[in-house]
Amino acid sequence: MLTETLAKYGQNFYVKGREEGLQEGLQKGRQEALLNAARKLLSSMDDAAIAEITGLPAATIAELRRTC
Protein backbone atom coordinates (compact mmCIF):
# COMPACT_ATOMS: atom_id res chain seq x y z
CA MET A 1 0.00 0.00 0.00
CA LEU A 2 2.83 2.42 0.82
CA THR A 3 4.46 1.57 -2.49
CA GLU A 4 1.26 2.37 -4.37
CA THR A 5 0.87 5.68 -2.54
CA LEU A 6 4.47 6.66 -3.30
CA ALA A 7 4.00 5.68 -6.94
CA LYS A 8 0.91 7.90 -7.18
CA TYR A 9 2.78 10.83 -5.59
CA GLY A 10 5.66 10.31 -8.00
CA GLN A 11 3.31 10.25 -10.97
CA ASN A 12 1.55 13.42 -9.75
CA PHE A 13 4.87 15.23 -9.35
CA TYR A 14 5.93 14.10 -12.81
CA VAL A 15 2.71 15.33 -14.43
CA LYS A 16 2.80 18.64 -12.55
CA GLY A 17 6.47 19.18 -13.43
CA ARG A 18 5.83 18.41 -17.06
CA GLU A 19 2.91 20.85 -17.21
CA GLU A 20 4.98 23.57 -15.55
CA GLY A 21 7.82 22.91 -17.97
CA LEU A 22 5.50 23.19 -20.96
CA GLN A 23 4.07 26.47 -19.69
CA GLU A 24 7.54 27.85 -19.09
CA GLY A 25 8.64 26.82 -22.57
CA LEU A 26 5.60 28.43 -24.17
CA GLN A 27 6.17 31.64 -22.23
CA LYS A 28 9.83 31.78 -23.28
CA GLY A 29 8.86 31.10 -26.89
CA ARG A 30 6.33 33.92 -26.89
CA GLN A 31 8.85 36.31 -25.37
CA GLU A 32 11.46 35.38 -27.97
CA ALA A 33 8.91 35.89 -30.76
CA LEU A 34 8.12 39.38 -29.45
CA LEU A 35 11.82 40.22 -29.23
CA ASN A 36 12.37 39.02 -32.81
CA ALA A 37 9.45 41.11 -34.04
CA ALA A 38 10.82 44.15 -32.20
CA ARG A 39 14.27 43.63 -33.75
CA LYS A 40 12.72 43.62 -37.22
CA LEU A 41 10.87 46.88 -36.52
CA LEU A 42 13.92 48.76 -35.18
CA SER A 43 14.94 50.07 -38.59
CA SER A 44 11.55 51.52 -39.45
CA MET A 45 9.86 52.61 -36.22
CA ASP A 46 10.57 54.52 -33.04
CA ASP A 47 10.85 52.82 -29.66
CA ALA A 48 7.45 53.97 -28.38
CA ALA A 49 5.63 52.56 -31.41
CA ILE A 50 7.46 49.24 -31.17
CA ALA A 51 6.67 49.02 -27.46
CA GLU A 52 3.00 49.69 -28.15
CA ILE A 53 2.79 47.09 -30.91
CA THR A 54 4.70 44.32 -29.12
CA GLY A 55 3.70 45.08 -25.54
CA LEU A 56 7.36 45.00 -24.54
CA PRO A 57 8.63 47.61 -22.09
CA ALA A 58 10.22 50.69 -23.65
CA ALA A 59 13.42 49.92 -21.75
CA THR A 60 13.64 46.54 -23.47
CA ILE A 61 13.23 48.18 -26.88
CA ALA A 62 15.90 50.73 -26.04
CA GLU A 63 18.25 47.93 -24.98
CA LEU A 64 17.59 46.07 -28.24
CA ARG A 65 18.36 49.23 -30.18
CA ARG A 66 21.69 49.62 -28.32
CA THR A 67 22.72 46.00 -28.88
CA CYS A 68 21.58 45.48 -32.49
PDB file of N, CA and C in Angstrom:
ATOM      1  N   MET A   1       0.820  -1.187   0.000  1.00  0.00           N
ATOM      2  CA  MET A   1       0.000   0.000   0.000  1.00  0.00           C
ATOM      3  C   MET A   1       0.869   1.256   0.000  1.00  0.00           C
ATOM      4  N   LEU A   2       1.915   1.278   0.790  1.00  0.00           N
ATOM      5  CA  LEU A   2       2.830   2.415   0.815  1.00  0.00           C
ATOM      6  C   LEU A   2       3.485   2.602  -0.552  1.00  0.00           C
ATOM      7  N   THR A   3       3.830   1.507  -1.179  1.00  0.00           N
ATOM      8  CA  THR A   3       4.464   1.570  -2.490  1.00  0.00           C
ATOM      9  C   THR A   3       3.517   2.196  -3.511  1.00  0.00           C
ATOM     10  N   GLU A   4       2.241   1.803  -3.446  1.00  0.00           N
ATOM     11  CA  GLU A   4       1.257   2.370  -4.371  1.00  0.00           C
ATOM     12  C   GLU A   4       1.080   3.863  -4.133  1.00  0.00           C
ATOM     13  N   THR A   5       1.030   4.264  -2.882  1.00  0.00           N
ATOM     14  CA  THR A   5       0.871   5.676  -2.539  1.00  0.00           C
ATOM     15  C   THR A   5       2.064   6.483  -3.046  1.00  0.00           C
ATOM     16  N   LEU A   6       3.268   5.971  -2.818  1.00  0.00           N
ATOM     17  CA  LEU A   6       4.473   6.655  -3.300  1.00  0.00           C
ATOM     18  C   LEU A   6       4.503   6.727  -4.827  1.00  0.00           C
ATOM     19  N   ALA A   7       4.043   5.683  -5.476  1.00  0.00           N
ATOM     20  CA  ALA A   7       4.002   5.685  -6.941  1.00  0.00           C
ATOM     21  C   ALA A   7       3.034   6.751  -7.447  1.00  0.00           C
ATOM     22  N   LYS A   8       1.881   6.879  -6.788  1.00  0.00           N
ATOM     23  CA  LYS A   8       0.910   7.901  -7.179  1.00  0.00           C
ATOM     24  C   LYS A   8       1.487   9.301  -6.981  1.00  0.00           C
ATOM     25  N   TYR A   9       2.160   9.526  -5.843  1.00  0.00           N
ATOM     26  CA  TYR A   9       2.784  10.829  -5.593  1.00  0.00           C
ATOM     27  C   TYR A   9       3.835  11.127  -6.650  1.00  0.00           C
ATOM     28  N   GLY A  10       4.630  10.128  -6.972  1.00  0.00           N
ATOM     29  CA  GLY A  10       5.662  10.310  -7.997  1.00  0.00           C
ATOM     30  C   GLY A  10       5.056  10.662  -9.331  1.00  0.00           C
ATOM     31  N   GLN A  11       3.983   9.969  -9.700  1.00  0.00           N
ATOM     32  CA  GLN A  11       3.314  10.249 -10.972  1.00  0.00           C
ATOM     33  C   GLN A  11       2.735  11.659 -10.966  1.00  0.00           C
ATOM     34  N   ASN A  12       2.123  12.077  -9.852  1.00  0.00           N
ATOM     35  CA  ASN A  12       1.553  13.419  -9.751  1.00  0.00           C
ATOM     36  C   ASN A  12       2.631  14.490  -9.887  1.00  0.00           C
ATOM     37  N   PHE A  13       3.782  14.274  -9.243  1.00  0.00           N
ATOM     38  CA  PHE A  13       4.875  15.230  -9.346  1.00  0.00           C
ATOM     39  C   PHE A  13       5.397  15.304 -10.774  1.00  0.00           C
ATOM     40  N   TYR A  14       5.464  14.140 -11.433  1.00  0.00           N
ATOM     41  CA  TYR A  14       5.930  14.098 -12.815  1.00  0.00           C
ATOM     42  C   TYR A  14       4.992  14.895 -13.720  1.00  0.00           C
ATOM     43  N   VAL A  15       3.700  14.647 -13.591  1.00  0.00           N
ATOM     44  CA  VAL A  15       2.714  15.333 -14.432  1.00  0.00           C
ATOM     45  C   VAL A  15       2.742  16.834 -14.167  1.00  0.00           C
ATOM     46  N   LYS A  16       2.774  17.216 -12.893  1.00  0.00           N
ATOM     47  CA  LYS A  16       2.802  18.639 -12.551  1.00  0.00           C
ATOM     48  C   LYS A  16       4.079  19.292 -13.079  1.00  0.00           C
ATOM     49  N   GLY A  17       5.203  18.647 -12.930  1.00  0.00           N
ATOM     50  CA  GLY A  17       6.471  19.183 -13.425  1.00  0.00           C
ATOM     51  C   GLY A  17       6.477  19.319 -14.931  1.00  0.00           C
ATOM     52  N   ARG A  18       5.899  18.357 -15.592  1.00  0.00           N
ATOM     53  CA  ARG A  18       5.829  18.410 -17.056  1.00  0.00           C
ATOM     54  C   ARG A  18       4.947  19.577 -17.505  1.00  0.00           C
ATOM     55  N   GLU A  19       3.802  19.740 -16.867  1.00  0.00           N
ATOM     56  CA  GLU A  19       2.909  20.851 -17.213  1.00  0.00           C
ATOM     57  C   GLU A  19       3.577  22.199 -16.972  1.00  0.00           C
ATOM     58  N   GLU A  20       4.274  22.318 -15.845  1.00  0.00           N
ATOM     59  CA  GLU A  20       4.978  23.571 -15.551  1.00  0.00           C
ATOM     60  C   GLU A  20       6.074  23.827 -16.572  1.00  0.00           C
ATOM     61  N   GLY A  21       6.769  22.771 -16.969  1.00  0.00           N
ATOM     62  CA  GLY A  21       7.821  22.906 -17.974  1.00  0.00           C
ATOM     63  C   GLY A  21       7.271  23.349 -19.324  1.00  0.00           C
ATOM     64  N   LEU A  22       6.132  22.779 -19.702  1.00  0.00           N
ATOM     65  CA  LEU A  22       5.503  23.185 -20.960  1.00  0.00           C
ATOM     66  C   LEU A  22       5.083  24.648 -20.919  1.00  0.00           C
ATOM     67  N   GLN A  23       4.490  25.069 -19.824  1.00  0.00           N
ATOM     68  CA  GLN A  23       4.066  26.466 -19.694  1.00  0.00           C
ATOM     69  C   GLN A  23       5.267  27.404 -19.757  1.00  0.00           C
ATOM     70  N   GLU A  24       6.338  27.023 -19.066  1.00  0.00           N
ATOM     71  CA  GLU A  24       7.543  27.854 -19.086  1.00  0.00           C
ATOM     72  C   GLU A  24       8.120  27.942 -20.498  1.00  0.00           C
ATOM     73  N   GLY A  25       8.128  26.831 -21.208  1.00  0.00           N
ATOM     74  CA  GLY A  25       8.638  26.815 -22.574  1.00  0.00           C
ATOM     75  C   GLY A  25       7.799  27.681 -23.504  1.00  0.00           C
ATOM     76  N   LEU A  26       6.480  27.596 -23.351  1.00  0.00           N
ATOM     77  CA  LEU A  26       5.604  28.429 -24.169  1.00  0.00           C
ATOM     78  C   LEU A  26       5.817  29.910 -23.884  1.00  0.00           C
ATOM     79  N   GLN A  27       5.965  30.238 -22.613  1.00  0.00           N
ATOM     80  CA  GLN A  27       6.175  31.638 -22.234  1.00  0.00           C
ATOM     81  C   GLN A  27       7.497  32.161 -22.810  1.00  0.00           C
ATOM     82  N   LYS A  28       8.541  31.359 -22.721  1.00  0.00           N
ATOM     83  CA  LYS A  28       9.829  31.780 -23.278  1.00  0.00           C
ATOM     84  C   LYS A  28       9.745  31.926 -24.796  1.00  0.00           C
ATOM     85  N   GLY A  29       9.029  31.030 -25.449  1.00  0.00           N
ATOM     86  CA  GLY A  29       8.862  31.105 -26.894  1.00  0.00           C
ATOM     87  C   GLY A  29       8.123  32.360 -27.315  1.00  0.00           C
ATOM     88  N   ARG A  30       7.073  32.699 -26.585  1.00  0.00           N
ATOM     89  CA  ARG A  30       6.325  33.925 -26.894  1.00  0.00           C
ATOM     90  C   ARG A  30       7.205  35.156 -26.712  1.00  0.00           C
ATOM     91  N   GLN A  31       7.972  35.169 -25.637  1.00  0.00           N
ATOM     92  CA  GLN A  31       8.853  36.308 -25.366  1.00  0.00           C
ATOM     93  C   GLN A  31       9.889  36.449 -26.476  1.00  0.00           C
ATOM     94  N   GLU A  32      10.450  35.338 -26.906  1.00  0.00           N
ATOM     95  CA  GLU A  32      11.459  35.382 -27.968  1.00  0.00           C
ATOM     96  C   GLU A  32      10.834  35.852 -29.283  1.00  0.00           C
ATOM     97  N   ALA A  33       9.602  35.437 -29.556  1.00  0.00           N
ATOM     98  CA  ALA A  33       8.912  35.890 -30.764  1.00  0.00           C
ATOM     99  C   ALA A  33       8.688  37.404 -30.727  1.00  0.00           C
ATOM    100  N   LEU A  34       8.303  37.927 -29.573  1.00  0.00           N
ATOM    101  CA  LEU A  34       8.117  39.378 -29.446  1.00  0.00           C
ATOM    102  C   LEU A  34       9.436  40.122 -29.636  1.00  0.00           C
ATOM    103  N   LEU A  35      10.507  39.592 -29.074  1.00  0.00           N
ATOM    104  CA  LEU A  35      11.816  40.223 -29.232  1.00  0.00           C
ATOM    105  C   LEU A  35      12.256  40.207 -30.695  1.00  0.00           C
ATOM    106  N   ASN A  36      12.009  39.103 -31.387  1.00  0.00           N
ATOM    107  CA  ASN A  36      12.367  39.021 -32.812  1.00  0.00           C
ATOM    108  C   ASN A  36      11.564  40.023 -33.632  1.00  0.00           C
ATOM    109  N   ALA A  37      10.280  40.140 -33.332  1.00  0.00           N
ATOM    110  CA  ALA A  37       9.449  41.113 -34.037  1.00  0.00           C
ATOM    111  C   ALA A  37       9.962  42.528 -33.780  1.00  0.00           C
ATOM    112  N   ALA A  38      10.307  42.816 -32.541  1.00  0.00           N
ATOM    113  CA  ALA A  38      10.822  44.147 -32.199  1.00  0.00           C
ATOM    114  C   ALA A  38      12.120  44.430 -32.937  1.00  0.00           C
ATOM    115  N   ARG A  39      13.000  43.441 -33.031  1.00  0.00           N
ATOM    116  CA  ARG A  39      14.266  43.633 -33.752  1.00  0.00           C
ATOM    117  C   ARG A  39      14.015  43.998 -35.214  1.00  0.00           C
ATOM    118  N   LYS A  40      13.030  43.349 -35.820  1.00  0.00           N
ATOM    119  CA  LYS A  40      12.718  43.623 -37.224  1.00  0.00           C
ATOM    120  C   LYS A  40      12.152  45.027 -37.422  1.00  0.00           C
ATOM    121  N   LEU A  41      11.488  45.552 -36.416  1.00  0.00           N
ATOM    122  CA  LEU A  41      10.874  46.877 -36.521  1.00  0.00           C
ATOM    123  C   LEU A  41      11.835  48.020 -36.185  1.00  0.00           C
ATOM    124  N   LEU A  42      12.992  47.714 -35.623  1.00  0.00           N
ATOM    125  CA  LEU A  42      13.918  48.757 -35.183  1.00  0.00           C
ATOM    126  C   LEU A  42      14.319  49.717 -36.297  1.00  0.00           C
ATOM    127  N   SER A  43      14.467  49.211 -37.500  1.00  0.00           N
ATOM    128  CA  SER A  43      14.943  50.068 -38.590  1.00  0.00           C
ATOM    129  C   SER A  43      13.861  51.001 -39.144  1.00  0.00           C
ATOM    130  N   SER A  44      12.604  50.721 -38.836  1.00  0.00           N
ATOM    131  CA  SER A  44      11.549  51.517 -39.451  1.00  0.00           C
ATOM    132  C   SER A  44      10.610  52.225 -38.478  1.00  0.00           C
ATOM    133  N   MET A  45      10.783  52.004 -37.180  1.00  0.00           N
ATOM    134  CA  MET A  45       9.862  52.612 -36.215  1.00  0.00           C
ATOM    135  C   MET A  45      10.616  53.125 -35.001  1.00  0.00           C
ATOM    136  N   ASP A  46       9.959  54.038 -34.286  1.00  0.00           N
ATOM    137  CA  ASP A  46      10.574  54.521 -33.043  1.00  0.00           C
ATOM    138  C   ASP A  46      10.240  53.571 -31.892  1.00  0.00           C
ATOM    139  N   ASP A  47      10.970  53.731 -30.797  1.00  0.00           N
ATOM    140  CA  ASP A  47      10.849  52.817 -29.658  1.00  0.00           C
ATOM    141  C   ASP A  47       9.444  52.774 -29.075  1.00  0.00           C
ATOM    142  N   ALA A  48       8.786  53.921 -28.969  1.00  0.00           N
ATOM    143  CA  ALA A  48       7.451  53.967 -28.378  1.00  0.00           C
ATOM    144  C   ALA A  48       6.449  53.171 -29.220  1.00  0.00           C
ATOM    145  N   ALA A  49       6.539  53.293 -30.528  1.00  0.00           N
ATOM    146  CA  ALA A  49       5.626  52.562 -31.407  1.00  0.00           C
ATOM    147  C   ALA A  49       5.865  51.060 -31.314  1.00  0.00           C
ATOM    148  N   ILE A  50       7.129  50.672 -31.286  1.00  0.00           N
ATOM    149  CA  ILE A  50       7.460  49.244 -31.172  1.00  0.00           C
ATOM    150  C   ILE A  50       6.945  48.700 -29.844  1.00  0.00           C
ATOM    151  N   ALA A  51       7.137  49.453 -28.782  1.00  0.00           N
ATOM    152  CA  ALA A  51       6.667  49.017 -27.465  1.00  0.00           C
ATOM    153  C   ALA A  51       5.146  48.855 -27.459  1.00  0.00           C
ATOM    154  N   GLU A  52       4.460  49.771 -28.100  1.00  0.00           N
ATOM    155  CA  GLU A  52       2.997  49.692 -28.153  1.00  0.00           C
ATOM    156  C   GLU A  52       2.537  48.479 -28.952  1.00  0.00           C
ATOM    157  N   ILE A  53       3.180  48.206 -30.055  1.00  0.00           N
ATOM    158  CA  ILE A  53       2.792  47.087 -30.913  1.00  0.00           C
ATOM    159  C   ILE A  53       3.089  45.747 -30.256  1.00  0.00           C
ATOM    160  N   THR A  54       4.274  45.614 -29.672  1.00  0.00           N
ATOM    161  CA  THR A  54       4.698  44.322 -29.122  1.00  0.00           C
ATOM    162  C   THR A  54       4.266  44.113 -27.675  1.00  0.00           C
ATOM    163  N   GLY A  55       4.008  45.203 -26.964  1.00  0.00           N
ATOM    164  CA  GLY A  55       3.703  45.084 -25.544  1.00  0.00           C
ATOM    165  C   GLY A  55       4.941  44.950 -24.678  1.00  0.00           C
ATOM    166  N   LEU A  56       6.109  45.057 -25.289  1.00  0.00           N
ATOM    167  CA  LEU A  56       7.362  44.996 -24.537  1.00  0.00           C
ATOM    168  C   LEU A  56       7.615  46.345 -23.869  1.00  0.00           C
ATOM    169  N   PRO A  57       8.297  46.340 -22.737  1.00  0.00           N
ATOM    170  CA  PRO A  57       8.630  47.615 -22.087  1.00  0.00           C
ATOM    171  C   PRO A  57       9.553  48.463 -22.967  1.00  0.00           C
ATOM    172  N   ALA A  58       9.395  49.768 -22.870  1.00  0.00           N
ATOM    173  CA  ALA A  58      10.220  50.687 -23.652  1.00  0.00           C
ATOM    174  C   ALA A  58      11.701  50.484 -23.355  1.00  0.00           C
ATOM    175  N   ALA A  59      12.021  50.163 -22.115  1.00  0.00           N
ATOM    176  CA  ALA A  59      13.422  49.921 -21.745  1.00  0.00           C
ATOM    177  C   ALA A  59      13.994  48.721 -22.505  1.00  0.00           C
ATOM    178  N   THR A  60      13.188  47.717 -22.722  1.00  0.00           N
ATOM    179  CA  THR A  60      13.636  46.542 -23.470  1.00  0.00           C
ATOM    180  C   THR A  60      13.910  46.910 -24.922  1.00  0.00           C
ATOM    181  N   ILE A  61      13.035  47.726 -25.494  1.00  0.00           N
ATOM    182  CA  ILE A  61      13.226  48.178 -26.875  1.00  0.00           C
ATOM    183  C   ILE A  61      14.490  49.003 -26.994  1.00  0.00           C
ATOM    184  N   ALA A  62      14.700  49.894 -26.038  1.00  0.00           N
ATOM    185  CA  ALA A  62      15.902  50.730 -26.043  1.00  0.00           C
ATOM    186  C   ALA A  62      17.157  49.861 -25.949  1.00  0.00           C
ATOM    187  N   GLU A  63      17.103  48.834 -25.115  1.00  0.00           N
ATOM    188  CA  GLU A  63      18.249  47.932 -24.977  1.00  0.00           C
ATOM    189  C   GLU A  63      18.488  47.179 -26.291  1.00  0.00           C
ATOM    190  N   LEU A  64      17.430  46.730 -26.938  1.00  0.00           N
ATOM    191  CA  LEU A  64      17.587  46.065 -28.240  1.00  0.00           C
ATOM    192  C   LEU A  64      18.229  47.008 -29.250  1.00  0.00           C
ATOM    193  N   ARG A  65      17.819  48.248 -29.237  1.00  0.00           N
ATOM    194  CA  ARG A  65      18.365  49.232 -30.181  1.00  0.00           C
ATOM    195  C   ARG A  65      19.864  49.424 -29.913  1.00  0.00           C
ATOM    196  N   ARG A  66      20.263  49.440 -28.652  1.00  0.00           N
ATOM    197  CA  ARG A  66      21.686  49.621 -28.316  1.00  0.00           C
ATOM    198  C   ARG A  66      22.522  48.401 -28.719  1.00  0.00           C
ATOM    199  N   THR A  67      21.931  47.218 -28.654  1.00  0.00           N
ATOM    200  CA  THR A  67      22.723  45.996 -28.876  1.00  0.00           C
ATOM    201  C   THR A  67      22.644  45.466 -30.301  1.00  0.00           C
ATOM    202  N   CYS A  68      21.721  45.978 -31.099  1.00  0.00           N
ATOM    203  CA  CYS A  68      21.579  45.481 -32.493  1.00  0.00           C
ATOM    204  C   CYS A  68      22.336  46.352 -33.452  1.00  0.00           C
TER     205      CYS A  68
END
